[in-house]
Every structure is written in C-alpha cells, then in structure tokens.
C-alpha cells in the first residue's frame, strides 16, 4: 500500500506501508522508504468495510442499521516506533487497513 505524508513545512513525502504475517500468526505493519522526524506520525486504522447492528429497543427497534468504514483498531507509528502488530478480527475476515498521516511540528 502506498501512502503520502504531507507537512506544512516541507514537500510531500512518499512511503510504503508493508503488511506481513509473522510466525505467531499476527500481522506486522511497518513503514518503508521513509525516516520520520520528531513530531511526524503515521496513523494506521484497521477498518471494517461494512457492519450491521440489529436494534432491540428504542425508536429503531426491530431495524437493522448498516455501517461503513468502522474503525476496529488504531495505531500510531513514530520516529521511534516504525511498526505495529495486530490480529485481524475473526468474525470479519474482510477487514482492511489503511494509513493516513499526521504531522506535528
């Protein structure tokens, strides 16, 4: 997955977000081709594309509400931590993850 980092101080920086399964069955997500400086962060969200909730009570009782892009987990990578480990949810094997950037100077 390719992503772009932007900063108000300098030009856009390109980097690669890599994801692999390690020997323990966990996913390791890491950034490649970039060195973050102090104050720069890569924000990674594990996102479920679709979900639904069956409402039991209240004004929506008996209805099924549909949800899109539900954030299941959230990770922050910095200049000192350029990877994270996580498990994909068992109930929804169709979850995806995406990265976005925040820079604080």
N, C-alpha and C. Protein backbone atom coordinates (compact mmCIF):
# COMPACT_ATOMS: atom_id res chain seq x y z
N UNK A 1 0.85 -1.16 0.00
CA UNK A 1 0.00 0.00 0.00
C UNK A 1 0.89 1.23 0.00
N UNK A 2 0.64 2.12 -0.90
CA UNK A 2 1.40 3.37 -0.96
C UNK A 2 0.60 4.47 -0.26
N UNK A 3 1.27 5.36 0.37
CA UNK A 3 0.62 6.47 1.06
C UNK A 3 1.47 7.71 0.88
N UNK A 4 0.92 8.82 1.24
CA UNK A 4 1.64 10.09 1.11
C UNK A 4 1.62 10.80 2.45
N UNK A 5 2.75 11.36 2.82
CA UNK A 5 2.84 12.15 4.04
C UNK A 5 3.00 13.61 3.62
N UNK A 6 2.21 14.47 4.23
CA UNK A 6 2.33 15.89 3.89
C UNK A 6 2.59 16.69 5.16
N UNK A 7 3.32 17.73 5.00
CA UNK A 7 3.69 18.57 6.12
C UNK A 7 3.60 20.02 5.68
N UNK A 8 3.26 20.87 6.61
CA UNK A 8 3.18 22.29 6.27
C UNK A 8 4.58 22.90 6.10
N UNK A 9 5.61 22.17 6.53
CA UNK A 9 6.96 22.71 6.49
C UNK A 9 7.71 22.30 5.23
N UNK A 10 7.45 21.12 4.69
CA UNK A 10 8.22 20.63 3.56
C UNK A 10 7.33 19.98 2.52
N UNK A 11 7.96 19.54 1.43
CA UNK A 11 7.25 18.87 0.34
C UNK A 11 6.65 17.55 0.82
N UNK A 12 5.69 17.03 0.04
CA UNK A 12 5.11 15.72 0.33
C UNK A 12 6.20 14.65 0.34
N UNK A 13 6.05 13.67 1.22
CA UNK A 13 6.96 12.54 1.30
C UNK A 13 6.18 11.28 0.94
N UNK A 14 6.74 10.47 0.06
CA UNK A 14 6.11 9.20 -0.28
C UNK A 14 6.73 8.10 0.57
N UNK A 15 5.94 7.10 0.90
CA UNK A 15 6.46 5.95 1.62
C UNK A 15 5.58 4.74 1.32
N UNK A 16 6.04 3.59 1.75
CA UNK A 16 5.32 2.35 1.53
C UNK A 16 4.88 1.79 2.87
N UNK A 17 3.65 1.33 2.94
CA UNK A 17 3.12 0.67 4.13
C UNK A 17 3.08 -0.82 3.83
N UNK A 18 3.87 -1.60 4.57
CA UNK A 18 4.04 -3.02 4.31
C UNK A 18 3.32 -3.83 5.38
N UNK A 19 2.66 -4.92 5.00
CA UNK A 19 1.98 -5.79 5.96
C UNK A 19 2.30 -7.24 5.64
N UNK A 20 2.73 -7.98 6.68
CA UNK A 20 3.06 -9.40 6.53
C UNK A 20 2.57 -10.16 7.76
N UNK A 21 2.39 -11.45 7.61
CA UNK A 21 2.03 -12.31 8.74
C UNK A 21 3.31 -12.87 9.33
N UNK A 22 3.49 -12.72 10.68
CA UNK A 22 4.71 -13.24 11.31
C UNK A 22 4.50 -14.70 11.73
N UNK A 23 5.48 -15.30 12.38
CA UNK A 23 5.43 -16.72 12.75
C UNK A 23 4.37 -17.02 13.80
N UNK A 24 3.91 -16.01 14.55
CA UNK A 24 2.87 -16.20 15.57
C UNK A 24 1.47 -15.98 15.00
N UNK A 25 1.37 -15.73 13.69
CA UNK A 25 0.07 -15.51 13.08
C UNK A 25 -0.44 -14.09 13.20
N UNK A 26 0.36 -13.19 13.74
CA UNK A 26 -0.03 -11.79 13.83
C UNK A 26 0.39 -11.05 12.58
N UNK A 27 -0.31 -9.98 12.28
CA UNK A 27 0.06 -9.12 11.16
C UNK A 27 1.04 -8.08 11.68
N UNK A 28 2.15 -7.91 10.96
CA UNK A 28 3.08 -6.84 11.30
C UNK A 28 2.99 -5.81 10.18
N UNK A 29 2.65 -4.59 10.55
CA UNK A 29 2.55 -3.48 9.60
C UNK A 29 3.71 -2.54 9.88
N UNK A 30 4.43 -2.18 8.82
CA UNK A 30 5.58 -1.29 9.00
C UNK A 30 5.66 -0.31 7.84
N UNK A 31 6.37 0.79 8.09
CA UNK A 31 6.58 1.78 7.04
C UNK A 31 7.97 1.58 6.46
N UNK A 32 8.07 1.78 5.16
CA UNK A 32 9.32 1.60 4.44
C UNK A 32 9.62 2.85 3.62
N UNK A 33 10.87 3.01 3.26
CA UNK A 33 11.31 4.08 2.35
C UNK A 33 11.10 5.49 2.91
N UNK A 34 11.09 5.63 4.23
CA UNK A 34 10.96 6.95 4.82
C UNK A 34 11.54 6.93 6.23
N UNK A 35 12.11 8.03 6.64
CA UNK A 35 12.57 8.21 8.02
C UNK A 35 11.75 9.35 8.60
N UNK A 36 10.89 9.02 9.56
CA UNK A 36 10.10 10.05 10.20
C UNK A 36 10.97 10.89 11.12
N UNK A 37 10.69 12.16 11.18
CA UNK A 37 11.40 13.04 12.09
C UNK A 37 10.52 13.29 13.31
N UNK A 38 11.10 13.86 14.34
CA UNK A 38 10.37 14.12 15.57
C UNK A 38 9.11 14.92 15.27
N UNK A 39 7.99 14.45 15.79
CA UNK A 39 6.72 15.13 15.59
C UNK A 39 5.89 14.59 14.44
N UNK A 40 6.49 13.80 13.54
CA UNK A 40 5.73 13.18 12.46
C UNK A 40 5.19 11.84 12.93
N UNK A 41 3.97 11.53 12.53
CA UNK A 41 3.33 10.28 12.91
C UNK A 41 2.63 9.68 11.71
N UNK A 42 2.65 8.36 11.62
CA UNK A 42 1.83 7.65 10.66
C UNK A 42 0.70 7.02 11.47
N UNK A 43 -0.53 7.32 11.09
CA UNK A 43 -1.70 6.79 11.77
C UNK A 43 -2.28 5.66 10.93
N UNK A 44 -2.42 4.49 11.54
CA UNK A 44 -2.94 3.33 10.83
C UNK A 44 -4.24 2.90 11.50
N UNK A 45 -5.28 2.74 10.71
CA UNK A 45 -6.56 2.29 11.23
C UNK A 45 -6.91 0.95 10.60
N UNK A 46 -7.29 -0.02 11.43
CA UNK A 46 -7.83 -1.28 10.94
C UNK A 46 -9.32 -1.02 10.75
N UNK A 47 -9.77 -1.07 9.50
CA UNK A 47 -11.11 -0.62 9.15
C UNK A 47 -11.93 -1.78 8.61
N UNK A 48 -13.13 -1.96 9.16
CA UNK A 48 -14.07 -2.94 8.64
C UNK A 48 -14.93 -2.22 7.61
N UNK A 49 -14.95 -2.72 6.38
CA UNK A 49 -15.64 -2.02 5.30
C UNK A 49 -17.14 -1.87 5.56
N UNK A 50 -17.79 -2.92 6.06
CA UNK A 50 -19.23 -2.87 6.33
C UNK A 50 -19.53 -3.61 7.61
N UNK A 51 -20.55 -3.15 8.31
CA UNK A 51 -21.04 -3.83 9.51
C UNK A 51 -22.52 -3.53 9.64
N UNK A 52 -23.20 -4.28 10.49
CA UNK A 52 -24.61 -4.01 10.74
C UNK A 52 -24.92 -4.28 12.21
N UNK A 53 -25.94 -3.61 12.69
CA UNK A 53 -26.38 -3.76 14.07
C UNK A 53 -27.89 -3.97 14.07
N UNK A 54 -28.35 -5.03 14.75
CA UNK A 54 -29.78 -5.26 14.91
C UNK A 54 -30.21 -4.54 16.18
N UNK A 55 -31.10 -3.59 16.05
CA UNK A 55 -31.53 -2.77 17.17
C UNK A 55 -32.67 -3.47 17.89
N UNK A 56 -32.54 -3.61 19.21
CA UNK A 56 -33.54 -4.33 20.01
C UNK A 56 -34.55 -3.40 20.66
N UNK A 57 -34.12 -2.18 21.00
CA UNK A 57 -35.02 -1.26 21.71
C UNK A 57 -34.94 0.14 21.13
N UNK A 58 -35.84 0.98 21.59
CA UNK A 58 -35.83 2.39 21.18
C UNK A 58 -36.57 2.63 19.89
N UNK A 59 -36.39 3.82 19.35
CA UNK A 59 -37.15 4.22 18.16
C UNK A 59 -36.79 3.41 16.92
N UNK A 60 -35.61 2.78 16.91
CA UNK A 60 -35.21 1.95 15.78
C UNK A 60 -35.35 0.45 16.06
N UNK A 61 -36.13 0.08 17.09
CA UNK A 61 -36.31 -1.32 17.47
C UNK A 61 -36.79 -2.13 16.27
N UNK A 62 -36.16 -3.30 16.09
CA UNK A 62 -36.53 -4.19 15.00
C UNK A 62 -35.84 -3.88 13.68
N UNK A 63 -35.13 -2.78 13.61
CA UNK A 63 -34.44 -2.41 12.38
C UNK A 63 -33.00 -2.91 12.41
N UNK A 64 -32.43 -3.05 11.23
CA UNK A 64 -31.01 -3.38 11.12
C UNK A 64 -30.31 -2.16 10.52
N UNK A 65 -29.39 -1.58 11.28
CA UNK A 65 -28.66 -0.39 10.83
C UNK A 65 -27.36 -0.82 10.18
N UNK A 66 -27.05 -0.23 9.04
CA UNK A 66 -25.83 -0.53 8.30
C UNK A 66 -24.78 0.53 8.59
N UNK A 67 -23.51 0.10 8.71
CA UNK A 67 -22.40 0.99 9.00
C UNK A 67 -21.30 0.75 7.96
N UNK A 68 -20.58 1.78 7.60
CA UNK A 68 -19.46 1.65 6.67
C UNK A 68 -18.20 2.24 7.30
N UNK A 69 -17.05 1.66 6.94
CA UNK A 69 -15.74 2.13 7.41
C UNK A 69 -15.67 2.25 8.93
N UNK A 70 -15.92 1.13 9.60
CA UNK A 70 -15.89 1.08 11.06
C UNK A 70 -14.46 0.83 11.52
N UNK A 71 -13.90 1.75 12.30
CA UNK A 71 -12.52 1.60 12.82
C UNK A 71 -12.55 0.60 13.97
N UNK A 72 -11.81 -0.50 13.79
CA UNK A 72 -11.74 -1.55 14.81
C UNK A 72 -10.54 -1.38 15.73
N UNK A 73 -9.42 -0.95 15.17
CA UNK A 73 -8.21 -0.69 15.96
C UNK A 73 -7.48 0.49 15.34
N UNK A 74 -6.66 1.16 16.17
CA UNK A 74 -5.97 2.37 15.73
C UNK A 74 -4.54 2.32 16.26
N UNK A 75 -3.58 2.62 15.41
CA UNK A 75 -2.17 2.54 15.79
C UNK A 75 -1.44 3.82 15.36
N UNK A 76 -0.43 4.20 16.13
CA UNK A 76 0.38 5.37 15.82
C UNK A 76 1.83 4.92 15.68
N UNK A 77 2.44 5.23 14.52
CA UNK A 77 3.85 4.97 14.30
C UNK A 77 4.60 6.29 14.35
N UNK A 78 5.79 6.27 14.95
CA UNK A 78 6.58 7.49 15.11
C UNK A 78 8.03 7.24 14.67
N UNK A 79 8.87 8.24 14.88
CA UNK A 79 10.28 8.07 14.52
C UNK A 79 10.94 6.98 15.35
N UNK A 80 10.41 6.68 16.54
CA UNK A 80 10.98 5.66 17.41
C UNK A 80 10.29 4.30 17.28
N UNK A 81 9.11 4.27 16.66
CA UNK A 81 8.36 3.02 16.50
C UNK A 81 7.80 2.99 15.08
N UNK A 82 8.46 2.24 14.19
CA UNK A 82 8.04 2.24 12.80
C UNK A 82 7.27 0.98 12.39
N UNK A 83 6.75 0.22 13.37
CA UNK A 83 5.94 -0.95 13.06
C UNK A 83 4.93 -1.19 14.18
N UNK A 84 3.92 -2.02 13.89
CA UNK A 84 2.94 -2.41 14.89
C UNK A 84 2.47 -3.83 14.60
N UNK A 85 2.01 -4.53 15.61
CA UNK A 85 1.47 -5.89 15.48
C UNK A 85 -0.02 -5.88 15.81
N UNK A 86 -0.78 -6.67 15.06
CA UNK A 86 -2.21 -6.82 15.39
C UNK A 86 -2.75 -8.10 14.78
N UNK A 87 -3.93 -8.52 15.27
CA UNK A 87 -4.66 -9.66 14.72
C UNK A 87 -5.82 -9.14 13.89
N UNK A 88 -6.11 -9.81 12.79
CA UNK A 88 -7.33 -9.47 12.07
C UNK A 88 -8.51 -10.06 12.83
N UNK A 89 -9.63 -9.36 12.85
CA UNK A 89 -10.81 -9.88 13.56
C UNK A 89 -11.25 -11.21 12.95
N UNK A 90 -11.58 -12.18 13.81
CA UNK A 90 -12.00 -13.49 13.36
C UNK A 90 -13.39 -13.43 12.71
N UNK A 91 -14.27 -12.61 13.26
CA UNK A 91 -15.65 -12.54 12.76
C UNK A 91 -15.74 -11.93 11.38
N UNK A 92 -14.81 -11.07 11.00
CA UNK A 92 -14.88 -10.41 9.71
C UNK A 92 -13.54 -10.51 9.00
N UNK A 93 -13.36 -11.58 8.21
CA UNK A 93 -12.08 -11.73 7.52
C UNK A 93 -11.88 -10.73 6.39
N UNK A 94 -12.88 -9.91 6.11
CA UNK A 94 -12.79 -8.96 5.00
C UNK A 94 -12.35 -7.58 5.46
N UNK A 95 -11.83 -7.49 6.67
CA UNK A 95 -11.35 -6.21 7.17
C UNK A 95 -10.12 -5.77 6.37
N UNK A 96 -9.94 -4.49 6.24
CA UNK A 96 -8.78 -3.94 5.54
C UNK A 96 -8.10 -2.95 6.47
N UNK A 97 -6.90 -2.55 6.15
CA UNK A 97 -6.32 -1.46 6.91
C UNK A 97 -5.82 -0.41 5.95
N UNK A 98 -5.84 0.80 6.45
CA UNK A 98 -5.39 1.91 5.62
C UNK A 98 -4.58 2.85 6.49
N UNK A 99 -3.74 3.62 5.87
CA UNK A 99 -2.89 4.54 6.61
C UNK A 99 -3.18 5.97 6.26
N UNK A 100 -3.03 6.83 7.21
CA UNK A 100 -3.09 8.26 6.95
C UNK A 100 -2.01 8.92 7.80
N UNK A 101 -1.74 10.15 7.54
CA UNK A 101 -0.60 10.81 8.15
C UNK A 101 -1.02 12.04 8.93
N UNK A 102 -0.33 12.25 10.03
CA UNK A 102 -0.49 13.49 10.78
C UNK A 102 0.90 13.98 11.13
N UNK A 103 1.16 15.24 10.91
CA UNK A 103 2.48 15.78 11.27
C UNK A 103 2.30 16.89 12.28
N UNK A 104 3.03 16.81 13.34
CA UNK A 104 3.00 17.83 14.39
C UNK A 104 4.42 18.35 14.55
N UNK A 105 4.63 19.64 14.30
CA UNK A 105 5.97 20.23 14.46
C UNK A 105 5.96 21.23 15.58
